[in-house]
Amino acid sequence: MVTLSGFAKRSDFDPEIPYTPRDKPDHSWNAVFVEEDWRFVDCCWGAGWEDEEGRWNPKFEEFWFLTDPDKFINDHYPWTSTDTKISSNWQLLKQPISLDEYNKIVKMAEVCREWGIDLSHKEPILIFRKEIHITLGASVLVRNITATMETVDRVKMDQYTVVYRFDTLTFSIQCRPPSPGTYILRIFGQRDGVLSHPPKLLLRYILKCTDSNNYVKSLPYVYTHAQTYQCTLHEPNSRELPSKSKVRIRLSSPHLRQVNVENIPLECDDNGTWEGTVQTPQAGETIVIYGSTSDNVQGRFNSLYKFFIVWWTQNGSLPFTCYNNSFYWLNHFTILLNYTKKLFVWSSCSTFHWFADLRPHIKLDRDIDKWLFSLHFMKCHVFI
């Protein structure tokens, strides 16, 4: 048995503060020779785990006993400043990696390595414009994959991310941030057939969005059965739909035998694509797409997608201009609006409606002859 020291990516590891050769080792583990081969043992991590809040959770984790070197290198890097060759040798890899390469590997939970998770984006920090698609594959059946997104100030932005299931083992996570900035994306997973355990945190990305559209639409709300039936929603691609309007619905699935929207059946073509047009209700209500794998009209239908109905102008845009790309941004937004003193406000997170007298919160911008004001409501739609 050999005792090794080096750099370990704990739950609080920050990819934006990478390890350097000047840093001192922060963790120790062992290498053991068993049945003519070397394996790693980390008794500390095998006794429990520390969450992102620094709380210790005692639990035996078999994964950290006799771990394969190619799985161990994801979050354990042996290091000694006196002899870098020794450090490379004790990775126990045919092709050792550098410290810089180690820093650029996204940290995955041990369950990811047990499930054989493979990622299209393998670095922890992703820089992109407007939106990004991350593909996740597994070697075992995964019941569902979910994702959450938030700002660095922990303001939730889940409505700007959605997960699609391509086939039995492949998922796609789409993120469309509402504004340029830094976001935290967390991906969770749950094994097929394991219903009693909550989804496990698989990995975390730091997203750096450098550009966004003038008006970013939040993505549709997706139910678990949409993944189970491997649904792909082609249109609409926004969570908000205009009230009292005709909206085209189009989705595909290799498993569904019936699809309806609020009891209005959709028609299926020879390619397994369901299509139809529905009339949306008044603002403040919702519509849901349902699907069934049975041919029986009286069979069970499960929820697939949900949309929120909002009031839009006749030309298909919201009745105001977004100022500085700030709609839905943090816990307030700034809007340019024609003269008005009272607005109707509808919150997307509840069914509560109220009138807001904005006179104490507005000021006149004489250059543009419009009211410039800020509303400190989280996720609110504002109507004249």
Protein backbone atom coordinates (compact mmCIF):
# COMPACT_ATOMS: atom_id res chain seq x y z
CA MET A 1 0.00 0.00 0.00
CA VAL A 2 1.19 3.51 -0.87
CA THR A 3 -0.08 6.78 0.63
CA LEU A 4 -0.49 9.58 -1.89
CA SER A 5 -1.22 13.30 -1.58
CA GLY A 6 -2.52 15.70 -4.13
CA PHE A 7 -5.42 17.86 -5.30
CA ALA A 8 -9.02 16.68 -4.84
CA LYS A 9 -12.08 18.37 -6.31
CA ARG A 10 -14.43 18.62 -3.36
CA SER A 11 -18.03 19.78 -3.59
CA ASP A 12 -16.88 23.41 -3.19
CA PHE A 13 -14.28 23.18 -5.97
CA ASP A 14 -14.36 26.33 -8.11
CA PRO A 15 -13.14 25.81 -11.70
CA GLU A 16 -12.49 29.54 -11.92
CA ILE A 17 -9.81 29.12 -9.22
CA PRO A 18 -7.78 26.22 -10.66
CA TYR A 19 -4.99 24.37 -8.92
CA THR A 20 -1.44 25.53 -9.67
CA PRO A 21 2.00 23.93 -9.09
CA ARG A 22 2.51 26.43 -6.26
CA ASP A 23 -0.46 25.09 -4.28
CA LYS A 24 0.00 22.62 -1.46
CA PRO A 25 -1.80 19.24 -1.62
CA ASP A 26 -5.19 19.34 0.13
CA HIS A 27 -6.09 15.64 0.32
CA SER A 28 -4.59 12.17 0.74
CA TRP A 29 -5.57 8.68 -0.39
CA ASN A 30 -4.04 5.24 -0.93
CA ALA A 31 -3.00 3.03 -3.81
CA VAL A 32 -3.18 -0.73 -3.21
CA PHE A 33 -1.94 -3.67 -5.26
CA VAL A 34 -4.71 -6.26 -5.54
CA GLU A 35 -4.83 -9.30 -7.86
CA GLU A 36 -1.86 -8.20 -9.93
CA ASP A 37 -3.16 -4.68 -10.46
CA TRP A 38 -3.11 -1.26 -8.77
CA ARG A 39 -6.31 0.33 -7.49
CA PHE A 40 -7.14 3.44 -5.46
CA VAL A 41 -8.81 3.68 -2.05
CA ASP A 42 -10.17 6.89 -0.49
CA CYS A 43 -11.45 5.99 2.97
CA CYS A 44 -12.44 9.61 3.70
CA TRP A 45 -14.74 9.99 0.70
CA GLY A 46 -15.90 6.40 1.12
CA ALA A 47 -17.26 7.26 4.59
CA GLY A 48 -19.59 10.03 3.39
CA TRP A 49 -19.79 13.20 1.37
CA GLU A 50 -19.87 16.94 1.85
CA ASP A 51 -22.61 18.94 0.10
CA GLU A 52 -22.27 22.38 -1.49
CA GLU A 53 -23.17 24.01 1.83
CA GLY A 54 -20.28 22.27 3.60
CA ARG A 55 -22.50 19.86 5.56
CA TRP A 56 -21.08 16.38 6.12
CA ASN A 57 -23.39 13.48 5.22
CA PRO A 58 -22.13 10.14 6.62
CA LYS A 59 -22.79 7.30 4.18
CA PHE A 60 -20.76 4.33 3.01
CA GLU A 61 -19.77 4.76 -0.66
CA GLU A 62 -18.38 1.56 -2.15
CA PHE A 63 -17.27 3.44 -5.26
CA TRP A 64 -14.19 4.82 -3.48
CA PHE A 65 -12.76 1.40 -2.63
CA LEU A 66 -10.62 -0.25 -5.33
CA THR A 67 -11.54 2.45 -7.83
CA ASP A 68 -10.23 2.21 -11.40
CA PRO A 69 -7.56 4.85 -12.19
CA ASP A 70 -9.43 6.14 -15.27
CA LYS A 71 -12.42 6.98 -13.05
CA PHE A 72 -10.37 8.21 -10.10
CA ILE A 73 -8.56 10.90 -12.13
CA ASN A 74 -11.76 12.93 -12.52
CA ASP A 75 -11.33 14.40 -9.04
CA HIS A 76 -8.00 13.11 -7.64
CA TYR A 77 -4.65 14.36 -8.93
CA PRO A 78 -1.47 13.10 -7.20
CA TRP A 79 1.07 15.87 -6.75
CA THR A 80 4.50 16.42 -5.31
CA SER A 81 6.44 19.55 -6.16
CA THR A 82 9.79 17.81 -5.78
CA ASP A 83 9.31 15.28 -8.59
CA THR A 84 6.59 15.75 -11.19
CA LYS A 85 7.49 12.40 -12.78
CA ILE A 86 6.37 10.61 -9.62
CA SER A 87 3.11 12.55 -9.76
CA SER A 88 2.50 11.41 -13.33
CA ASN A 89 3.37 7.78 -12.58
CA TRP A 90 0.91 7.56 -9.68
CA GLN A 91 -2.01 8.54 -11.88
CA LEU A 92 -1.70 4.89 -13.00
CA LEU A 93 -2.80 5.89 -16.50
CA LYS A 94 -1.32 4.81 -19.81
CA GLN A 95 -1.43 8.46 -20.87
CA PRO A 96 -1.05 10.74 -17.80
CA ILE A 97 -2.62 14.18 -17.95
CA SER A 98 -1.20 17.55 -16.93
CA LEU A 99 -2.45 19.63 -14.02
CA ASP A 100 -3.97 22.08 -16.49
CA GLU A 101 -5.90 19.26 -18.16
CA TYR A 102 -7.08 18.06 -14.76
CA ASN A 103 -8.47 21.50 -13.96
CA LYS A 104 -10.40 21.49 -17.23
CA ILE A 105 -12.26 18.23 -16.56
CA VAL A 106 -15.80 18.84 -15.29
CA LYS A 107 -16.25 17.26 -11.88
CA MET A 108 -18.80 14.43 -12.02
CA ALA A 109 -20.42 12.65 -9.10
CA GLU A 110 -19.36 9.05 -8.60
CA VAL A 111 -22.78 7.91 -9.80
CA CYS A 112 -21.93 9.39 -13.23
CA ARG A 113 -19.01 7.00 -13.54
CA GLU A 114 -21.16 4.10 -12.34
CA TRP A 115 -23.78 4.93 -15.00
CA GLY A 116 -21.17 5.45 -17.71
CA ILE A 117 -22.17 9.07 -18.32
CA ASP A 118 -20.60 10.64 -21.41
CA LEU A 119 -20.82 14.37 -22.12
CA SER A 120 -20.58 16.47 -25.26
CA HIS A 121 -19.03 19.28 -23.19
CA LYS A 122 -16.31 17.98 -20.89
CA GLU A 123 -14.98 21.28 -19.49
CA PRO A 124 -16.54 22.87 -16.38
CA ILE A 125 -16.74 26.42 -17.80
CA LEU A 126 -18.74 26.87 -21.01
CA ILE A 127 -18.60 30.14 -22.95
CA PHE A 128 -21.26 30.66 -25.62
CA ARG A 129 -23.58 33.12 -27.38
CA LYS A 130 -27.35 33.15 -26.95
CA GLU A 131 -27.94 29.44 -26.18
CA ILE A 132 -26.17 26.13 -25.70
CA HIS A 133 -27.11 22.46 -26.12
CA ILE A 134 -25.39 19.85 -23.95
CA THR A 135 -25.75 16.17 -24.87
CA LEU A 136 -25.62 13.55 -22.13
CA GLY A 137 -25.40 9.81 -22.81
CA ALA A 138 -25.51 6.88 -20.39
CA SER A 139 -24.64 3.19 -20.55
CA VAL A 140 -27.51 2.20 -18.22
CA LEU A 141 -31.21 3.03 -18.36
CA VAL A 142 -31.85 6.43 -16.76
CA ARG A 143 -35.44 7.23 -15.83
CA ASN A 144 -35.15 10.97 -16.26
CA ILE A 145 -32.70 13.84 -16.35
CA THR A 146 -33.55 17.28 -14.96
CA ALA A 147 -31.65 20.56 -14.89
CA THR A 148 -31.75 23.77 -12.86
CA MET A 149 -30.16 27.09 -13.69
CA GLU A 150 -29.52 30.10 -11.49
CA THR A 151 -27.47 33.28 -11.41
CA VAL A 152 -24.37 33.60 -9.25
CA ASP A 153 -26.64 35.42 -6.79
CA ARG A 154 -28.84 32.28 -6.62
CA VAL A 155 -31.79 33.75 -8.50
CA LYS A 156 -33.54 30.82 -10.14
CA MET A 157 -33.71 30.77 -13.94
CA ASP A 158 -35.19 27.31 -14.46
CA GLN A 159 -37.64 28.58 -17.07
CA TYR A 160 -34.71 29.14 -19.43
CA THR A 161 -33.56 25.53 -19.53
CA VAL A 162 -35.26 22.37 -20.79
CA VAL A 163 -34.28 18.71 -21.14
CA TYR A 164 -35.17 16.56 -24.16
CA ARG A 165 -34.76 12.80 -24.51
CA PHE A 166 -33.41 11.70 -27.89
CA ASP A 167 -33.54 7.95 -27.28
CA THR A 168 -33.36 5.43 -24.45
CA LEU A 169 -29.87 6.49 -23.34
CA THR A 170 -29.37 10.02 -24.73
CA PHE A 171 -30.57 13.37 -23.40
CA SER A 172 -30.10 16.98 -24.50
CA ILE A 173 -30.09 19.96 -22.11
CA GLN A 174 -30.91 23.28 -23.77
CA CYS A 175 -30.07 26.55 -21.99
CA ARG A 176 -31.16 29.97 -23.24
CA PRO A 177 -30.16 32.62 -20.65
CA PRO A 178 -32.24 35.81 -20.61
CA SER A 179 -29.24 38.12 -20.54
CA PRO A 180 -25.44 38.03 -20.86
CA GLY A 181 -23.80 36.96 -17.62
CA THR A 182 -22.66 34.01 -15.53
CA TYR A 183 -25.02 31.19 -14.56
CA ILE A 184 -24.77 27.91 -12.67
CA LEU A 185 -26.27 24.85 -14.37
CA ARG A 186 -26.90 21.72 -12.27
CA ILE A 187 -27.88 18.42 -13.86
CA PHE A 188 -29.71 15.70 -11.90
CA GLY A 189 -30.50 12.10 -12.76
CA GLN A 190 -32.56 9.16 -11.57
CA ARG A 191 -32.06 5.49 -12.46
CA ASP A 192 -34.80 3.65 -14.28
CA GLY A 193 -36.89 1.59 -11.88
CA VAL A 194 -35.66 3.47 -8.80
CA LEU A 195 -38.63 5.58 -7.74
CA SER A 196 -38.09 5.79 -3.99
CA HIS A 197 -34.83 7.77 -4.21
CA PRO A 198 -34.75 11.45 -5.19
CA PRO A 199 -32.77 12.51 -8.29
CA LYS A 200 -29.03 12.71 -7.68
CA LEU A 201 -26.81 15.65 -8.54
CA LEU A 202 -24.64 14.48 -11.43
CA LEU A 203 -22.54 17.51 -12.27
CA ARG A 204 -22.38 21.28 -12.36
CA TYR A 205 -21.38 23.68 -15.13
CA ILE A 206 -20.50 27.36 -15.02
CA LEU A 207 -22.18 29.01 -18.00
CA LYS A 208 -20.85 32.28 -19.39
CA CYS A 209 -23.28 33.77 -21.87
CA THR A 210 -21.69 36.59 -23.90
CA ASP A 211 -24.75 37.63 -25.92
CA SER A 212 -28.52 37.14 -25.96
CA ASN A 213 -31.51 38.01 -28.10
CA ASN A 214 -33.31 41.30 -27.48
CA TYR A 215 -36.24 39.38 -26.06
CA VAL A 216 -35.46 35.90 -24.75
CA LYS A 217 -38.45 33.61 -24.45
CA SER A 218 -38.54 31.18 -21.57
CA LEU A 219 -38.66 27.53 -22.62
CA PRO A 220 -41.72 25.25 -22.26
CA TYR A 221 -42.37 23.49 -18.97
CA VAL A 222 -41.55 19.79 -19.46
CA TYR A 223 -43.09 16.93 -17.48
CA THR A 224 -41.20 13.69 -16.79
CA HIS A 225 -43.40 11.67 -19.16
CA ALA A 226 -42.20 13.78 -22.09
CA GLN A 227 -38.76 12.24 -21.50
CA THR A 228 -40.18 8.78 -20.86
CA TYR A 229 -41.95 8.84 -24.24
CA GLN A 230 -38.89 10.40 -25.94
CA CYS A 231 -40.92 13.41 -27.09
CA THR A 232 -39.49 16.20 -29.19
CA LEU A 233 -41.48 19.44 -29.16
CA HIS A 234 -41.02 21.21 -32.50
CA GLU A 235 -43.38 24.12 -31.85
CA PRO A 236 -44.17 26.26 -29.96
CA ASN A 237 -40.77 26.75 -28.28
CA SER A 238 -41.82 29.36 -25.72
CA ARG A 239 -43.39 28.90 -22.30
CA GLU A 240 -45.64 31.95 -22.83
CA LEU A 241 -48.34 31.86 -25.52
CA PRO A 242 -50.54 34.79 -26.64
CA SER A 243 -54.08 34.84 -25.32
CA LYS A 244 -57.11 34.25 -27.56
CA SER A 245 -54.94 33.29 -30.52
CA LYS A 246 -54.52 30.29 -32.80
CA VAL A 247 -51.31 28.44 -31.96
CA ARG A 248 -49.83 25.57 -33.93
CA ILE A 249 -48.72 22.52 -31.90
CA ARG A 250 -46.26 20.02 -33.36
CA LEU A 251 -44.37 17.25 -31.57
CA SER A 252 -43.01 13.78 -32.32
CA SER A 253 -42.61 10.58 -30.30
CA PRO A 254 -41.99 6.94 -31.20
CA HIS A 255 -44.26 5.72 -28.37
CA LEU A 256 -47.40 7.87 -28.28
CA ARG A 257 -50.65 6.60 -29.78
CA GLN A 258 -52.80 9.59 -28.81
CA VAL A 259 -52.02 13.27 -28.16
CA ASN A 260 -54.45 16.02 -27.22
CA VAL A 261 -54.41 19.59 -26.00
CA GLU A 262 -57.17 20.27 -23.50
CA ASN A 263 -59.34 17.48 -25.04
CA ILE A 264 -58.60 18.60 -28.61
CA PRO A 265 -56.93 15.63 -30.39
CA LEU A 266 -53.90 16.16 -32.61
CA GLU A 267 -53.41 14.25 -35.86
CA CYS A 268 -50.41 12.01 -36.51
CA ASP A 269 -48.63 11.68 -39.86
CA ASP A 270 -46.71 8.68 -41.19
CA ASN A 271 -43.49 9.90 -39.53
CA GLY A 272 -44.91 9.90 -36.01
CA THR A 273 -45.32 13.68 -35.84
CA TRP A 274 -48.43 15.00 -34.11
CA GLU A 275 -49.84 18.30 -35.37
CA GLY A 276 -52.77 20.56 -34.73
CA THR A 277 -53.93 24.12 -34.09
CA VAL A 278 -55.58 25.23 -30.85
CA GLN A 279 -57.26 28.43 -29.67
CA THR A 280 -55.62 29.75 -26.52
CA PRO A 281 -57.77 30.95 -23.58
CA GLN A 282 -57.57 34.28 -21.79
CA ALA A 283 -54.44 35.58 -20.09
CA GLY A 284 -53.60 34.03 -16.74
CA GLU A 285 -54.66 30.50 -17.66
CA THR A 286 -52.58 27.53 -18.83
CA ILE A 287 -52.84 24.82 -21.46
CA VAL A 288 -51.31 21.35 -21.26
CA ILE A 289 -50.37 18.81 -23.91
CA TYR A 290 -51.33 15.26 -22.91
CA GLY A 291 -50.21 11.95 -24.39
CA SER A 292 -51.14 8.28 -24.17
CA THR A 293 -49.46 5.07 -25.31
CA SER A 294 -52.85 3.35 -25.56
CA ASP A 295 -55.31 3.32 -28.47
CA ASN A 296 -58.19 3.36 -26.00
CA VAL A 297 -59.83 6.78 -25.91
CA GLN A 298 -60.70 6.16 -22.27
CA GLY A 299 -57.11 5.18 -21.47
CA ARG A 300 -54.73 7.06 -19.22
CA PHE A 301 -53.27 10.34 -20.51
CA ASN A 302 -50.15 11.84 -18.97
CA SER A 303 -49.03 15.47 -18.96
CA LEU A 304 -46.20 16.26 -21.39
CA TYR A 305 -45.83 20.05 -21.70
CA LYS A 306 -47.40 23.09 -20.06
CA PHE A 307 -47.71 26.66 -21.38
CA PHE A 308 -48.73 29.90 -19.68
CA ILE A 309 -51.12 32.23 -21.46
CA VAL A 310 -50.19 35.92 -21.50
CA TRP A 311 -51.66 39.02 -23.08
CA TRP A 312 -49.82 40.11 -26.22
CA THR A 313 -50.45 42.93 -28.67
CA GLN A 314 -51.97 42.32 -32.11
CA ASN A 315 -48.57 42.29 -33.80
CA GLY A 316 -47.47 39.39 -31.60
CA SER A 317 -45.18 41.28 -29.21
CA LEU A 318 -45.47 42.20 -25.56
CA PRO A 319 -47.09 45.61 -24.93
CA PHE A 320 -43.79 47.22 -23.95
CA THR A 321 -40.19 47.44 -25.05
CA CYS A 322 -37.60 45.63 -22.95
CA TYR A 323 -34.93 48.01 -21.78
CA ASN A 324 -31.33 46.82 -21.66
CA ASN A 325 -32.35 43.17 -22.18
CA SER A 326 -33.47 43.06 -18.57
CA PHE A 327 -36.89 41.35 -18.75
CA TYR A 328 -36.96 38.51 -16.21
CA TRP A 329 -33.50 39.56 -15.04
CA LEU A 330 -32.77 39.09 -11.32
CA ASN A 331 -35.52 40.43 -9.04
CA HIS A 332 -36.43 43.56 -10.97
CA PHE A 333 -36.62 44.77 -14.54
CA THR A 334 -36.67 48.19 -16.19
CA ILE A 335 -39.16 48.90 -18.97
CA LEU A 336 -39.92 51.80 -21.30
CA LEU A 337 -43.67 52.31 -21.54
CA ASN A 338 -46.10 54.93 -22.84
CA TYR A 339 -47.83 57.22 -20.35
CA THR A 340 -49.75 55.18 -17.79
CA LYS A 341 -50.23 55.24 -14.04
CA LYS A 342 -51.78 51.86 -13.40
CA LEU A 343 -50.78 48.47 -14.70
CA PHE A 344 -52.30 45.03 -14.51
CA VAL A 345 -49.72 42.61 -13.13
CA TRP A 346 -49.88 38.83 -13.43
CA SER A 347 -47.36 36.64 -11.66
CA SER A 348 -46.29 33.49 -13.53
CA CYS A 349 -45.63 31.73 -10.24
CA SER A 350 -49.20 32.05 -8.92
CA THR A 351 -52.75 32.83 -10.02
CA PHE A 352 -52.96 35.98 -7.95
CA HIS A 353 -53.80 39.19 -9.83
CA TRP A 354 -53.63 42.73 -8.62
CA PHE A 355 -53.45 46.36 -9.74
CA ALA A 356 -50.27 48.27 -9.02
CA ASP A 357 -50.25 52.04 -8.69
CA LEU A 358 -46.83 52.94 -10.07
CA ARG A 359 -46.77 56.67 -9.42
CA PRO A 360 -44.29 56.36 -6.51
CA HIS A 361 -42.00 54.16 -8.64
CA ILE A 362 -41.75 56.06 -11.92
CA LYS A 363 -39.94 59.08 -13.28
CA LEU A 364 -40.28 60.96 -16.57
CA ASP A 365 -37.45 60.64 -19.09
CA ARG A 366 -37.94 63.84 -21.11
CA ASP A 367 -35.54 62.81 -23.88
CA ILE A 368 -37.70 59.92 -25.03
CA ASP A 369 -40.98 61.20 -23.64
CA LYS A 370 -41.77 57.86 -22.02
CA TRP A 371 -42.08 56.63 -18.50
CA LEU A 372 -39.02 54.86 -17.17
CA PHE A 373 -39.65 52.79 -14.11
CA SER A 374 -38.53 49.73 -12.22
CA LEU A 375 -40.74 47.03 -10.76
CA HIS A 376 -39.37 44.90 -7.95
CA PHE A 377 -41.46 41.83 -8.64
CA MET A 378 -39.93 38.45 -9.38
CA LYS A 379 -41.08 36.85 -12.65
CA CYS A 380 -44.04 39.10 -13.38
CA HIS A 381 -45.83 39.85 -16.64
CA VAL A 382 -46.98 43.46 -16.89
CA PHE A 383 -49.95 44.64 -18.92
CA ILE A 384 -51.56 48.01 -19.60
